[in-house]
Amino acid sequence: MSSLVYAILKKAEANIALSDSEARSILHAKGANLSFILAGAHALREKAFGNRAELCSIINAKSGRCAENCAFCAQSSHHNTQTPVYALKSGEEIVAGAISAEKEGSHCYGIVTSGTRVTPGEEFDRLLAAVREIRATTSIAPSASLGILDKQTAEALADAGCVTYHHNLETARSFFPRICSTHAYDEDIETVQMAKRAGMKVCCGGIFGLGESIEQRIELAMTLRGLDVDSVPLNFLTPIAGTPLEGCFNLTPMDCVRIIALFRYLLPDKRISVCGGRQQNLRELQSWMFLAGASGTMIGNYLTTCGRNPADDLQMFRDLEIETDGCC
C-alpha cells in the first residue's frame, strides 16, 4: 500500500476530512492504488456496519407535472417525456406497497411525490394516515420524499411516525444553477435542516453524470459531511429521452466505483446506498459497490425507470456472503 493511500485511510478511520488533493487522488486512482483504495473503503464499511447491507424501496406515489425544471428529471412539466402522469395514490395502495417491500427484504420504504412541496390538505392528510398505518402494521421504517419542507409539515410527518425524510441536494452548489433554476440551493439545505430539527433522520445525496467536474463531486460530499446527514443515496444518471440531458453519457463503471469510494472515505460512519442508475452505469460491476464502501442499495423499481428483479439482488447478496437481515 502506498504511503498516500495509507495516510488517507488513517484520516478516514479517525473521521478527519481529507484534503482536496487527497480526495482527488481517489477519483483518479488506477491500478494497484485503486485496489488499495477499495480495500480501505471495504474496511471502513465493515468497521461501521459489519457484513450487512441495508435495503430500501420506494413508491412513486404521485407522478409528473412537477413545476421544477431539473434537467435530468422525467417528471418535470418543462420537459417532453413519456413518463406516466397520475394523482396521489390511495392510502391503501401506498400501504400495500410497504407490505410488499417488507416481504422483499427492504428495511426502509420511501413514499415519493412529484412537485416542489406538499401543502396542508386532503393529500397531505392521506400521506400522514398512510405513514401511521405503515408504522402500526409493518416493521418497515417509513420514509417520505415530498419536496421542500416548512416547520409545520416537517413536524406533522415526524408526529405521524415518519422515520426518515429524503431530500437530495442533487449536485454541488457551484453546479446546481446548470441543473435547476426554479428554486434556490439554500431551500434544499433548509429542508434538510428542518427535517433534522423535527426529529427525523435525513437521507440526502445526489446524482452523478450530469456534467459535473471531479471537484464538484468532492464539493457535494463535503457539503453533506457538513450537514451531518444520516444516510447518503448515490444515484447515477440514466438519461431520459425528452430531458435536456437525454444524450448525456459521462460515466464508466469504474467512475462509479471511485465515486462510491470517495463518499465512504469522506463520510466513513454514514450509511451510503447505491440507488438509481446502477444497472446502466455499473453494469457487470454492480457487486463492486460493496467493495467500494456502499452499505446498502435500493431494490425494486425506481421513480420512473425499472430496477432489477429483487430476487436477482438477493442472490447477489448471498453470493457475496453479505447479510441483509436484522438491519435497522
C-alpha atoms as a PDB file:
ATOM      1  CA  MET A   1       0.000   0.000   0.000  1.00  0.00           C
ATOM      2  CA  SER A   2       1.397   3.399  -0.958  1.00  0.00           C
ATOM      3  CA  SER A   3       2.112   5.949   1.744  1.00  0.00           C
ATOM      4  CA  LEU A   4      -0.584   8.267   0.290  1.00  0.00           C
ATOM      5  CA  VAL A   5      -3.305   5.616   0.403  1.00  0.00           C
ATOM      6  CA  TYR A   6      -2.246   4.620   3.926  1.00  0.00           C
ATOM      7  CA  ALA A   7      -2.423   8.255   5.079  1.00  0.00           C
ATOM      8  CA  ILE A   8      -5.872   8.680   3.515  1.00  0.00           C
ATOM      9  CA  LEU A   9      -7.164   5.541   5.233  1.00  0.00           C
ATOM     10  CA  LYS A  10      -5.813   6.605   8.618  1.00  0.00           C
ATOM     11  CA  LYS A  11      -7.507  10.004   8.324  1.00  0.00           C
ATOM     12  CA  ALA A  12     -10.826   8.376   7.344  1.00  0.00           C
ATOM     13  CA  GLU A  13     -10.602   5.935  10.253  1.00  0.00           C
ATOM     14  CA  ALA A  14     -10.263   8.936  12.559  1.00  0.00           C
ATOM     15  CA  ASN A  15     -13.122  10.704  10.736  1.00  0.00           C
ATOM     16  CA  ILE A  16     -10.832  13.548   9.698  1.00  0.00           C
ATOM     17  CA  ALA A  17     -11.814  15.261   6.452  1.00  0.00           C
ATOM     18  CA  LEU A  18      -9.491  14.636   3.545  1.00  0.00           C
ATOM     19  CA  SER A  19      -7.807  17.489   1.743  1.00  0.00           C
ATOM     20  CA  ASP A  20      -8.943  18.323  -1.790  1.00  0.00           C
ATOM     21  CA  SER A  21      -5.818  16.743  -3.250  1.00  0.00           C
ATOM     22  CA  GLU A  22      -6.344  13.544  -1.235  1.00  0.00           C
ATOM     23  CA  ALA A  23      -9.969  13.364  -2.364  1.00  0.00           C
ATOM     24  CA  ARG A  24      -8.948  13.926  -5.983  1.00  0.00           C
ATOM     25  CA  SER A  25      -6.445  11.086  -5.713  1.00  0.00           C
ATOM     26  CA  ILE A  26      -9.340   8.689  -5.010  1.00  0.00           C
ATOM     27  CA  LEU A  27     -11.251   9.824  -8.098  1.00  0.00           C
ATOM     28  CA  HIS A  28      -8.100   9.478 -10.240  1.00  0.00           C
ATOM     29  CA  ALA A  29      -6.897   6.184  -8.736  1.00  0.00           C
ATOM     30  CA  LYS A  30      -5.974   3.335 -11.063  1.00  0.00           C
ATOM     31  CA  GLY A  31      -4.137   0.038 -10.911  1.00  0.00           C
ATOM     32  CA  ALA A  32      -2.669  -1.049  -7.607  1.00  0.00           C
ATOM     33  CA  ASN A  33      -3.518   2.233  -5.900  1.00  0.00           C
ATOM     34  CA  LEU A  34      -7.191   1.758  -6.779  1.00  0.00           C
ATOM     35  CA  SER A  35      -7.074  -1.784  -5.387  1.00  0.00           C
ATOM     36  CA  PHE A  36      -5.694  -0.420  -2.124  1.00  0.00           C
ATOM     37  CA  ILE A  37      -8.301   2.380  -2.088  1.00  0.00           C
ATOM     38  CA  LEU A  38     -11.086  -0.169  -2.486  1.00  0.00           C
ATOM     39  CA  ALA A  39      -9.646  -2.419   0.206  1.00  0.00           C
ATOM     40  CA  GLY A  40      -9.623   0.548   2.575  1.00  0.00           C
ATOM     41  CA  ALA A  41     -13.181   1.523   1.651  1.00  0.00           C
ATOM     42  CA  HIS A  42     -14.317  -2.041   2.283  1.00  0.00           C
ATOM     43  CA  ALA A  43     -12.620  -1.997   5.686  1.00  0.00           C
ATOM     44  CA  LEU A  44     -14.266   1.327   6.580  1.00  0.00           C
ATOM     45  CA  ARG A  45     -17.688  -0.059   5.671  1.00  0.00           C
ATOM     46  CA  GLU A  46     -17.206  -3.197   7.738  1.00  0.00           C
ATOM     47  CA  LYS A  47     -15.906  -1.182  10.679  1.00  0.00           C
ATOM     48  CA  ALA A  48     -19.076   0.941  10.708  1.00  0.00           C
ATOM     49  CA  PHE A  49     -21.728  -1.573   9.616  1.00  0.00           C
ATOM     50  CA  GLY A  50     -20.276  -5.052   9.747  1.00  0.00           C
ATOM     51  CA  ASN A  51     -21.031  -7.504   6.973  1.00  0.00           C
ATOM     52  CA  ARG A  52     -24.584  -6.274   6.435  1.00  0.00           C
ATOM     53  CA  ALA A  53     -26.408  -4.411   3.697  1.00  0.00           C
ATOM     54  CA  GLU A  54     -29.412  -2.200   4.310  1.00  0.00           C
ATOM     55  CA  LEU A  55     -32.091  -2.425   1.626  1.00  0.00           C
ATOM     56  CA  CYS A  56     -34.635   0.234   0.736  1.00  0.00           C
ATOM     57  CA  SER A  57     -37.555   0.542  -1.666  1.00  0.00           C
ATOM     58  CA  ILE A  58     -39.713   3.391  -2.905  1.00  0.00           C
ATOM     59  CA  ILE A  59     -43.135   4.021  -4.352  1.00  0.00           C
ATOM     60  CA  ASN A  60     -43.768   6.735  -6.918  1.00  0.00           C
ATOM     61  CA  ALA A  61     -46.919   7.846  -5.136  1.00  0.00           C
ATOM     62  CA  LYS A  62     -47.636  10.868  -7.343  1.00  0.00           C
ATOM     63  CA  SER A  63     -46.141  11.212 -10.791  1.00  0.00           C
ATOM     64  CA  GLY A  64     -45.494  14.008 -13.259  1.00  0.00           C
ATOM     65  CA  ARG A  65     -46.478  17.654 -13.693  1.00  0.00           C
ATOM     66  CA  CYS A  66     -43.668  18.897 -11.461  1.00  0.00           C
ATOM     67  CA  ALA A  67     -43.097  22.643 -11.704  1.00  0.00           C
ATOM     68  CA  GLU A  68     -39.348  22.279 -11.145  1.00  0.00           C
ATOM     69  CA  ASN A  69     -37.077  22.226 -14.203  1.00  0.00           C
ATOM     70  CA  CYS A  70     -34.387  19.776 -13.020  1.00  0.00           C
ATOM     71  CA  ALA A  71     -32.519  18.891 -16.210  1.00  0.00           C
ATOM     72  CA  PHE A  72     -32.357  15.157 -15.505  1.00  0.00           C
ATOM     73  CA  CYS A  73     -35.938  14.603 -14.348  1.00  0.00           C
ATOM     74  CA  ALA A  74     -38.555  12.763 -16.382  1.00  0.00           C
ATOM     75  CA  GLN A  75     -41.367  14.184 -14.228  1.00  0.00           C
ATOM     76  CA  SER A  76     -40.723  17.864 -14.926  1.00  0.00           C
ATOM     77  CA  SER A  77     -43.523  19.705 -16.726  1.00  0.00           C
ATOM     78  CA  HIS A  78     -40.783  21.650 -18.537  1.00  0.00           C
ATOM     79  CA  HIS A  79     -39.703  18.552 -20.489  1.00  0.00           C
ATOM     80  CA  ASN A  80     -41.409  16.450 -23.149  1.00  0.00           C
ATOM     81  CA  THR A  81     -41.122  12.909 -21.817  1.00  0.00           C
ATOM     82  CA  GLN A  82     -43.347   9.853 -21.908  1.00  0.00           C
ATOM     83  CA  THR A  83     -43.466   9.461 -18.125  1.00  0.00           C
ATOM     84  CA  PRO A  84     -46.888   8.471 -16.736  1.00  0.00           C
ATOM     85  CA  VAL A  85     -48.823  11.244 -15.028  1.00  0.00           C
ATOM     86  CA  TYR A  86     -51.179  10.454 -12.170  1.00  0.00           C
ATOM     87  CA  ALA A  87     -52.539  11.967  -8.966  1.00  0.00           C
ATOM     88  CA  LEU A  88     -51.647  10.804  -5.470  1.00  0.00           C
ATOM     89  CA  LYS A  89     -52.303   7.109  -4.991  1.00  0.00           C
ATOM     90  CA  SER A  90     -54.779   5.926  -2.398  1.00  0.00           C
ATOM     91  CA  GLY A  91     -53.690   5.230   1.144  1.00  0.00           C
ATOM     92  CA  GLU A  92     -54.424   1.552   0.564  1.00  0.00           C
ATOM     93  CA  GLU A  93     -52.064   1.437  -2.427  1.00  0.00           C
ATOM     94  CA  ILE A  94     -49.296   3.170  -0.506  1.00  0.00           C
ATOM     95  CA  VAL A  95     -49.614   0.817   2.468  1.00  0.00           C
ATOM     96  CA  ALA A  96     -49.787  -2.215   0.167  1.00  0.00           C
ATOM     97  CA  GLY A  97     -46.505  -1.102  -1.362  1.00  0.00           C
ATOM     98  CA  ALA A  98     -44.916  -1.036   2.083  1.00  0.00           C
ATOM     99  CA  ILE A  99     -46.138  -4.548   2.843  1.00  0.00           C
ATOM    100  CA  SER A 100     -44.749  -5.803  -0.470  1.00  0.00           C
ATOM    101  CA  ALA A 101     -41.418  -4.041   0.092  1.00  0.00           C
ATOM    102  CA  GLU A 102     -41.118  -5.593   3.541  1.00  0.00           C
ATOM    103  CA  LYS A 103     -41.713  -9.065   2.099  1.00  0.00           C
ATOM    104  CA  GLU A 104     -38.966  -8.477  -0.473  1.00  0.00           C
ATOM    105  CA  GLY A 105     -36.485  -7.682   2.278  1.00  0.00           C
ATOM    106  CA  SER A 106     -36.461  -3.879   2.430  1.00  0.00           C
ATOM    107  CA  HIS A 107     -35.836  -2.148   5.731  1.00  0.00           C
ATOM    108  CA  CYS A 108     -36.905   1.340   4.621  1.00  0.00           C
ATOM    109  CA  TYR A 109     -39.844   2.324   2.408  1.00  0.00           C
ATOM    110  CA  GLY A 110     -39.883   5.735   0.748  1.00  0.00           C
ATOM    111  CA  ILE A 111     -43.115   7.488  -0.234  1.00  0.00           C
ATOM    112  CA  VAL A 112     -42.161   9.853  -3.062  1.00  0.00           C
ATOM    113  CA  THR A 113     -44.353  12.530  -4.651  1.00  0.00           C
ATOM    114  CA  SER A 114     -43.573  14.828  -7.568  1.00  0.00           C
ATOM    115  CA  GLY A 115     -43.784  18.577  -7.086  1.00  0.00           C
ATOM    116  CA  THR A 116     -41.989  21.378  -5.313  1.00  0.00           C
ATOM    117  CA  ARG A 117     -43.616  20.806  -1.937  1.00  0.00           C
ATOM    118  CA  VAL A 118     -46.604  19.264  -0.194  1.00  0.00           C
ATOM    119  CA  THR A 119     -49.208  21.601   1.297  1.00  0.00           C
ATOM    120  CA  PRO A 120     -51.802  21.076   4.043  1.00  0.00           C
ATOM    121  CA  GLY A 121     -54.997  19.494   2.797  1.00  0.00           C
ATOM    122  CA  GLU A 122     -56.547  16.184   1.812  1.00  0.00           C
ATOM    123  CA  GLU A 123     -53.470  14.833   0.037  1.00  0.00           C
ATOM    124  CA  PHE A 124     -51.154  15.549   2.939  1.00  0.00           C
ATOM    125  CA  ASP A 125     -53.673  14.056   5.370  1.00  0.00           C
ATOM    126  CA  ARG A 126     -53.761  10.920   3.204  1.00  0.00           C
ATOM    127  CA  LEU A 127     -49.978  10.670   3.330  1.00  0.00           C
ATOM    128  CA  LEU A 128     -49.923  11.097   7.104  1.00  0.00           C
ATOM    129  CA  ALA A 129     -52.578   8.411   7.522  1.00  0.00           C
ATOM    130  CA  ALA A 130     -50.555   6.043   5.322  1.00  0.00           C
ATOM    131  CA  VAL A 131     -47.430   6.639   7.402  1.00  0.00           C
ATOM    132  CA  ARG A 132     -49.358   5.891  10.602  1.00  0.00           C
ATOM    133  CA  GLU A 133     -50.783   2.691   9.094  1.00  0.00           C
ATOM    134  CA  ILE A 134     -47.359   1.506   7.952  1.00  0.00           C
ATOM    135  CA  ARG A 135     -45.953   2.063  11.434  1.00  0.00           C
ATOM    136  CA  ALA A 136     -48.888   0.220  13.007  1.00  0.00           C
ATOM    137  CA  THR A 137     -48.982  -2.810  10.688  1.00  0.00           C
ATOM    138  CA  THR A 138     -45.410  -3.448   9.494  1.00  0.00           C
ATOM    139  CA  SER A 139     -41.849  -3.456  10.796  1.00  0.00           C
ATOM    140  CA  ILE A 140     -40.550  -1.469   7.826  1.00  0.00           C
ATOM    141  CA  ALA A 141     -39.408   2.107   8.503  1.00  0.00           C
ATOM    142  CA  PRO A 142     -41.478   4.659   6.544  1.00  0.00           C
ATOM    143  CA  SER A 143     -39.665   7.455   4.760  1.00  0.00           C
ATOM    144  CA  ALA A 144     -41.041  10.388   2.799  1.00  0.00           C
ATOM    145  CA  SER A 145     -39.738  12.490  -0.079  1.00  0.00           C
ATOM    146  CA  LEU A 146     -42.271  15.275  -0.610  1.00  0.00           C
ATOM    147  CA  GLY A 147     -40.108  18.197  -1.693  1.00  0.00           C
ATOM    148  CA  ILE A 148     -39.306  21.342   0.233  1.00  0.00           C
ATOM    149  CA  LEU A 149     -40.465  21.371   3.861  1.00  0.00           C
ATOM    150  CA  ASP A 150     -41.666  24.018   6.252  1.00  0.00           C
ATOM    151  CA  LYS A 151     -41.789  23.665  10.033  1.00  0.00           C
ATOM    152  CA  GLN A 152     -45.460  22.623  10.137  1.00  0.00           C
ATOM    153  CA  THR A 153     -45.194  19.838   7.552  1.00  0.00           C
ATOM    154  CA  ALA A 154     -41.921  18.547   8.991  1.00  0.00           C
ATOM    155  CA  GLU A 155     -43.356  18.287  12.494  1.00  0.00           C
ATOM    156  CA  ALA A 156     -46.566  16.665  11.219  1.00  0.00           C
ATOM    157  CA  LEU A 157     -44.558  13.989   9.399  1.00  0.00           C
ATOM    158  CA  ALA A 158     -42.439  13.293  12.462  1.00  0.00           C
ATOM    159  CA  ASP A 159     -45.513  13.111  14.708  1.00  0.00           C
ATOM    160  CA  ALA A 160     -47.135  10.616  12.312  1.00  0.00           C
ATOM    161  CA  GLY A 161     -44.145   8.303  12.644  1.00  0.00           C
ATOM    162  CA  CYS A 162     -42.087   9.123   9.569  1.00  0.00           C
ATOM    163  CA  VAL A 163     -38.630   7.823  10.464  1.00  0.00           C
ATOM    164  CA  THR A 164     -36.610   9.410   7.667  1.00  0.00           C
ATOM    165  CA  TYR A 165     -37.020  12.371   5.358  1.00  0.00           C
ATOM    166  CA  HIS A 166     -35.373  12.057   1.970  1.00  0.00           C
ATOM    167  CA  HIS A 167     -34.326  15.182   0.123  1.00  0.00           C
ATOM    168  CA  ASN A 168     -31.395  15.152  -2.290  1.00  0.00           C
ATOM    169  CA  LEU A 169     -29.202  18.152  -2.974  1.00  0.00           C
ATOM    170  CA  GLU A 170     -28.656  16.516  -6.409  1.00  0.00           C
ATOM    171  CA  THR A 171     -25.269  18.143  -7.074  1.00  0.00           C
ATOM    172  CA  ALA A 172     -22.758  20.671  -5.790  1.00  0.00           C
ATOM    173  CA  ARG A 173     -23.877  24.213  -5.077  1.00  0.00           C
ATOM    174  CA  SER A 174     -21.481  25.531  -7.743  1.00  0.00           C
ATOM    175  CA  PHE A 175     -23.063  23.313 -10.437  1.00  0.00           C
ATOM    176  CA  PHE A 176     -26.685  23.496  -9.312  1.00  0.00           C
ATOM    177  CA  PRO A 177     -27.701  26.527 -11.458  1.00  0.00           C
ATOM    178  CA  ARG A 178     -26.901  24.471 -14.566  1.00  0.00           C
ATOM    179  CA  ILE A 179     -29.276  21.740 -13.399  1.00  0.00           C
ATOM    180  CA  CYS A 180     -32.181  23.629 -11.816  1.00  0.00           C
ATOM    181  CA  SER A 181     -33.234  27.291 -11.840  1.00  0.00           C
ATOM    182  CA  THR A 182     -36.733  27.082 -10.343  1.00  0.00           C
ATOM    183  CA  HIS A 183     -35.661  27.055  -6.716  1.00  0.00           C
ATOM    184  CA  ALA A 184     -32.591  28.012  -4.738  1.00  0.00           C
ATOM    185  CA  TYR A 185     -29.994  25.605  -3.364  1.00  0.00           C
ATOM    186  CA  ASP A 186     -30.485  27.155   0.055  1.00  0.00           C
ATOM    187  CA  GLU A 187     -34.103  25.907   0.074  1.00  0.00           C
ATOM    188  CA  ASP A 188     -32.795  22.350  -0.162  1.00  0.00           C
ATOM    189  CA  ILE A 189     -30.264  22.968   2.604  1.00  0.00           C
ATOM    190  CA  GLU A 190     -33.004  24.455   4.803  1.00  0.00           C
ATOM    191  CA  THR A 191     -35.264  21.439   4.174  1.00  0.00           C
ATOM    192  CA  VAL A 192     -32.523  19.076   5.368  1.00  0.00           C
ATOM    193  CA  GLN A 193     -32.045  21.166   8.493  1.00  0.00           C
ATOM    194  CA  MET A 194     -35.818  21.438   9.063  1.00  0.00           C
ATOM    195  CA  ALA A 195     -36.254  17.667   8.909  1.00  0.00           C
ATOM    196  CA  LYS A 196     -33.442  17.157  11.420  1.00  0.00           C
ATOM    197  CA  ARG A 197     -34.925  19.720  13.812  1.00  0.00           C
ATOM    198  CA  ALA A 198     -38.285  17.944  13.619  1.00  0.00           C
ATOM    199  CA  GLY A 199     -36.617  14.756  14.851  1.00  0.00           C
ATOM    200  CA  MET A 200     -36.440  12.755  11.646  1.00  0.00           C
ATOM    201  CA  LYS A 201     -33.356  11.107  10.226  1.00  0.00           C
ATOM    202  CA  VAL A 202     -32.253  12.629   6.939  1.00  0.00           C
ATOM    203  CA  CYS A 203     -31.390  10.772   3.751  1.00  0.00           C
ATOM    204  CA  CYS A 204     -29.654  13.195   1.397  1.00  0.00           C
ATOM    205  CA  GLY A 205     -27.396  12.594  -1.584  1.00  0.00           C
ATOM    206  CA  GLY A 206     -27.143  13.341  -5.239  1.00  0.00           C
ATOM    207  CA  ILE A 207     -26.925  12.194  -8.820  1.00  0.00           C
ATOM    208  CA  PHE A 208     -23.724  11.872 -10.825  1.00  0.00           C
ATOM    209  CA  GLY A 209     -23.006  12.031 -14.527  1.00  0.00           C
ATOM    210  CA  LEU A 210     -24.803  15.344 -15.059  1.00  0.00           C
ATOM    211  CA  GLY A 211     -21.680  17.001 -16.443  1.00  0.00           C
ATOM    212  CA  GLU A 212     -20.251  17.969 -13.070  1.00  0.00           C
ATOM    213  CA  SER A 213     -16.496  18.088 -12.545  1.00  0.00           C
ATOM    214  CA  ILE A 214     -14.446  15.895 -10.232  1.00  0.00           C
ATOM    215  CA  GLU A 215     -14.055  18.901  -7.945  1.00  0.00           C
ATOM    216  CA  GLN A 216     -17.844  19.319  -7.793  1.00  0.00           C
ATOM    217  CA  ARG A 217     -18.281  15.691  -6.768  1.00  0.00           C
ATOM    218  CA  ILE A 218     -15.939  16.383  -3.877  1.00  0.00           C
ATOM    219  CA  GLU A 219     -17.797  19.632  -3.107  1.00  0.00           C
ATOM    220  CA  LEU A 220     -21.101  17.769  -2.763  1.00  0.00           C
ATOM    221  CA  ALA A 221     -19.558  15.170  -0.461  1.00  0.00           C
ATOM    222  CA  MET A 222     -18.098  17.878   1.753  1.00  0.00           C
ATOM    223  CA  THR A 223     -21.447  19.701   1.897  1.00  0.00           C
ATOM    224  CA  LEU A 224     -23.158  16.516   3.065  1.00  0.00           C
ATOM    225  CA  ARG A 225     -20.422  15.956   5.622  1.00  0.00           C
ATOM    226  CA  GLY A 226     -21.016  19.450   6.965  1.00  0.00           C
ATOM    227  CA  LEU A 227     -24.770  18.855   7.199  1.00  0.00           C
ATOM    228  CA  ASP A 228     -24.174  15.628   9.172  1.00  0.00           C
ATOM    229  CA  VAL A 229     -26.877  13.729   7.282  1.00  0.00           C
ATOM    230  CA  ASP A 230     -27.698  10.197   8.397  1.00  0.00           C
ATOM    231  CA  SER A 231     -27.588   8.403   5.052  1.00  0.00           C
ATOM    232  CA  VAL A 232     -26.418   9.237   1.550  1.00  0.00           C
ATOM    233  CA  PRO A 233     -28.050   7.823  -1.594  1.00  0.00           C
ATOM    234  CA  LEU A 234     -25.752   7.837  -4.621  1.00  0.00           C
ATOM    235  CA  ASN A 235     -27.520   7.875  -7.987  1.00  0.00           C
ATOM    236  CA  PHE A 236     -26.014   7.667 -11.449  1.00  0.00           C
ATOM    237  CA  LEU A 237     -27.717   9.331 -14.387  1.00  0.00           C
ATOM    238  CA  THR A 238     -29.915   7.268 -16.652  1.00  0.00           C
ATOM    239  CA  PRO A 239     -30.559   9.735 -19.490  1.00  0.00           C
ATOM    240  CA  ILE A 240     -34.267  10.081 -20.262  1.00  0.00           C
ATOM    241  CA  ALA A 241     -35.491  10.991 -23.739  1.00  0.00           C
ATOM    242  CA  GLY A 242     -37.098  14.422 -23.745  1.00  0.00           C
ATOM    243  CA  THR A 243     -34.945  15.865 -20.958  1.00  0.00           C
ATOM    244  CA  PRO A 244     -32.052  18.274 -21.559  1.00  0.00           C
ATOM    245  CA  LEU A 245     -29.638  15.510 -20.523  1.00  0.00           C
ATOM    246  CA  GLU A 246     -31.053  12.823 -22.803  1.00  0.00           C
ATOM    247  CA  GLY A 247     -27.717  12.341 -24.572  1.00  0.00           C
ATOM    248  CA  CYS A 248     -25.522  12.675 -21.505  1.00  0.00           C
ATOM    249  CA  PHE A 249     -23.382   9.566 -21.006  1.00  0.00           C
ATOM    250  CA  ASN A 250     -20.461  10.666 -18.844  1.00  0.00           C
ATOM    251  CA  LEU A 251     -19.728   7.762 -16.514  1.00  0.00           C
ATOM    252  CA  THR A 252     -17.868   4.489 -16.800  1.00  0.00           C
ATOM    253  CA  PRO A 253     -18.414   1.656 -14.316  1.00  0.00           C
ATOM    254  CA  MET A 254     -15.063   2.438 -12.721  1.00  0.00           C
ATOM    255  CA  ASP A 255     -16.003   6.117 -12.383  1.00  0.00           C
ATOM    256  CA  CYS A 256     -18.991   4.979 -10.329  1.00  0.00           C
ATOM    257  CA  VAL A 257     -16.814   2.706  -8.196  1.00  0.00           C
ATOM    258  CA  ARG A 258     -14.427   5.581  -7.483  1.00  0.00           C
ATOM    259  CA  ILE A 259     -17.310   7.916  -6.578  1.00  0.00           C
ATOM    260  CA  ILE A 260     -18.664   5.389  -4.068  1.00  0.00           C
ATOM    261  CA  ALA A 261     -15.194   5.013  -2.539  1.00  0.00           C
ATOM    262  CA  LEU A 262     -14.792   8.800  -2.304  1.00  0.00           C
ATOM    263  CA  PHE A 263     -18.007   9.128  -0.312  1.00  0.00           C
ATOM    264  CA  ARG A 264     -17.015   6.288   2.012  1.00  0.00           C
ATOM    265  CA  TYR A 265     -13.677   7.975   2.791  1.00  0.00           C
ATOM    266  CA  LEU A 266     -15.274  11.393   3.308  1.00  0.00           C
ATOM    267  CA  LEU A 267     -18.295  10.033   5.240  1.00  0.00           C
ATOM    268  CA  PRO A 268     -16.831   6.973   6.963  1.00  0.00           C
ATOM    269  CA  ASP A 269     -19.608   6.430   9.511  1.00  0.00           C
ATOM    270  CA  LYS A 270     -22.643   7.263   7.324  1.00  0.00           C
ATOM    271  CA  ARG A 271     -24.950   4.873   5.549  1.00  0.00           C
ATOM    272  CA  ILE A 272     -24.212   5.024   1.829  1.00  0.00           C
ATOM    273  CA  SER A 273     -26.691   3.427  -0.555  1.00  0.00           C
ATOM    274  CA  VAL A 274     -26.336   2.975  -4.292  1.00  0.00           C
ATOM    275  CA  CYS A 275     -29.688   3.688  -5.884  1.00  0.00           C
ATOM    276  CA  GLY A 276     -30.883   4.815  -9.314  1.00  0.00           C
ATOM    277  CA  GLY A 277     -28.870   4.012 -12.419  1.00  0.00           C
ATOM    278  CA  ARG A 278     -26.732   1.231 -11.012  1.00  0.00           C
ATOM    279  CA  GLN A 279     -27.696  -1.328 -13.680  1.00  0.00           C
ATOM    280  CA  GLN A 280     -26.973   1.026 -16.568  1.00  0.00           C
ATOM    281  CA  ASN A 281     -23.799   2.546 -15.146  1.00  0.00           C
ATOM    282  CA  LEU A 282     -22.120  -0.141 -13.047  1.00  0.00           C
ATOM    283  CA  ARG A 283     -23.241  -2.863 -15.445  1.00  0.00           C
ATOM    284  CA  GLU A 284     -21.244  -6.047 -14.679  1.00  0.00           C
ATOM    285  CA  LEU A 285     -19.628  -4.355 -11.678  1.00  0.00           C
ATOM    286  CA  GLN A 286     -22.775  -3.951  -9.582  1.00  0.00           C
ATOM    287  CA  SER A 287     -21.425  -6.191  -6.856  1.00  0.00           C
ATOM    288  CA  TRP A 288     -18.356  -3.925  -6.599  1.00  0.00           C
ATOM    289  CA  MET A 289     -20.463  -1.231  -4.927  1.00  0.00           C
ATOM    290  CA  PHE A 290     -19.985  -3.016  -1.593  1.00  0.00           C
ATOM    291  CA  LEU A 291     -16.256  -3.463  -2.139  1.00  0.00           C
ATOM    292  CA  ALA A 292     -16.146   0.291  -2.817  1.00  0.00           C
ATOM    293  CA  GLY A 293     -17.790   1.052   0.528  1.00  0.00           C
ATOM    294  CA  ALA A 294     -21.553   1.123  -0.008  1.00  0.00           C
ATOM    295  CA  SER A 295     -23.533  -0.157   2.975  1.00  0.00           C
ATOM    296  CA  GLY A 296     -26.842  -0.592   1.169  1.00  0.00           C
ATOM    297  CA  THR A 297     -28.794  -0.345  -2.038  1.00  0.00           C
ATOM    298  CA  MET A 298     -32.278   0.243  -3.368  1.00  0.00           C
ATOM    299  CA  ILE A 299     -34.130  -2.803  -4.621  1.00  0.00           C
ATOM    300  CA  GLY A 300     -37.152  -2.944  -6.892  1.00  0.00           C
ATOM    301  CA  ASN A 301     -38.147  -0.172  -9.275  1.00  0.00           C
ATOM    302  CA  TYR A 302     -37.058   3.457  -9.148  1.00  0.00           C
ATOM    303  CA  LEU A 303     -39.245   6.511  -9.728  1.00  0.00           C
ATOM    304  CA  THR A 304     -39.623   6.346 -13.491  1.00  0.00           C
ATOM    305  CA  THR A 305     -37.243   3.552 -14.519  1.00  0.00           C
ATOM    306  CA  CYS A 306     -37.277  -0.165 -13.839  1.00  0.00           C
ATOM    307  CA  GLY A 307     -34.949  -1.726 -11.340  1.00  0.00           C
ATOM    308  CA  ARG A 308     -33.528  -5.198 -11.235  1.00  0.00           C
ATOM    309  CA  ASN A 309     -35.600  -8.162 -10.113  1.00  0.00           C
ATOM    310  CA  PRO A 310     -35.297  -8.197  -6.290  1.00  0.00           C
ATOM    311  CA  ALA A 311     -34.640 -11.936  -6.422  1.00  0.00           C
ATOM    312  CA  ASP A 312     -31.514 -11.289  -8.503  1.00  0.00           C
ATOM    313  CA  ASP A 313     -30.286  -8.741  -5.971  1.00  0.00           C
ATOM    314  CA  LEU A 314     -30.919 -11.088  -3.067  1.00  0.00           C
ATOM    315  CA  GLN A 315     -28.934 -13.776  -4.905  1.00  0.00           C
ATOM    316  CA  MET A 316     -26.098 -11.278  -5.354  1.00  0.00           C
ATOM    317  CA  PHE A 317     -26.040 -10.685  -1.583  1.00  0.00           C
ATOM    318  CA  ARG A 318     -25.924 -14.420  -0.937  1.00  0.00           C
ATOM    319  CA  ASP A 319     -23.086 -14.833  -3.451  1.00  0.00           C
ATOM    320  CA  LEU A 320     -21.174 -12.041  -1.721  1.00  0.00           C
ATOM    321  CA  GLU A 321     -21.958 -13.578   1.701  1.00  0.00           C
ATOM    322  CA  ILE A 322     -23.436 -10.254   2.797  1.00  0.00           C
ATOM    323  CA  GLU A 323     -26.245 -10.427   5.336  1.00  0.00           C
ATOM    324  CA  THR A 324     -29.426  -8.432   4.809  1.00  0.00           C
ATOM    325  CA  ASP A 325     -31.443  -9.485   7.872  1.00  0.00           C
ATOM    326  CA  GLY A 326     -31.604  -7.504  11.070  1.00  0.00           C
ATOM    327  CA  CYS A 327     -30.608  -4.115   9.671  1.00  0.00           C
ATOM    328  CA  CYS A 328     -32.208  -1.110  11.297  1.00  0.00           C
END
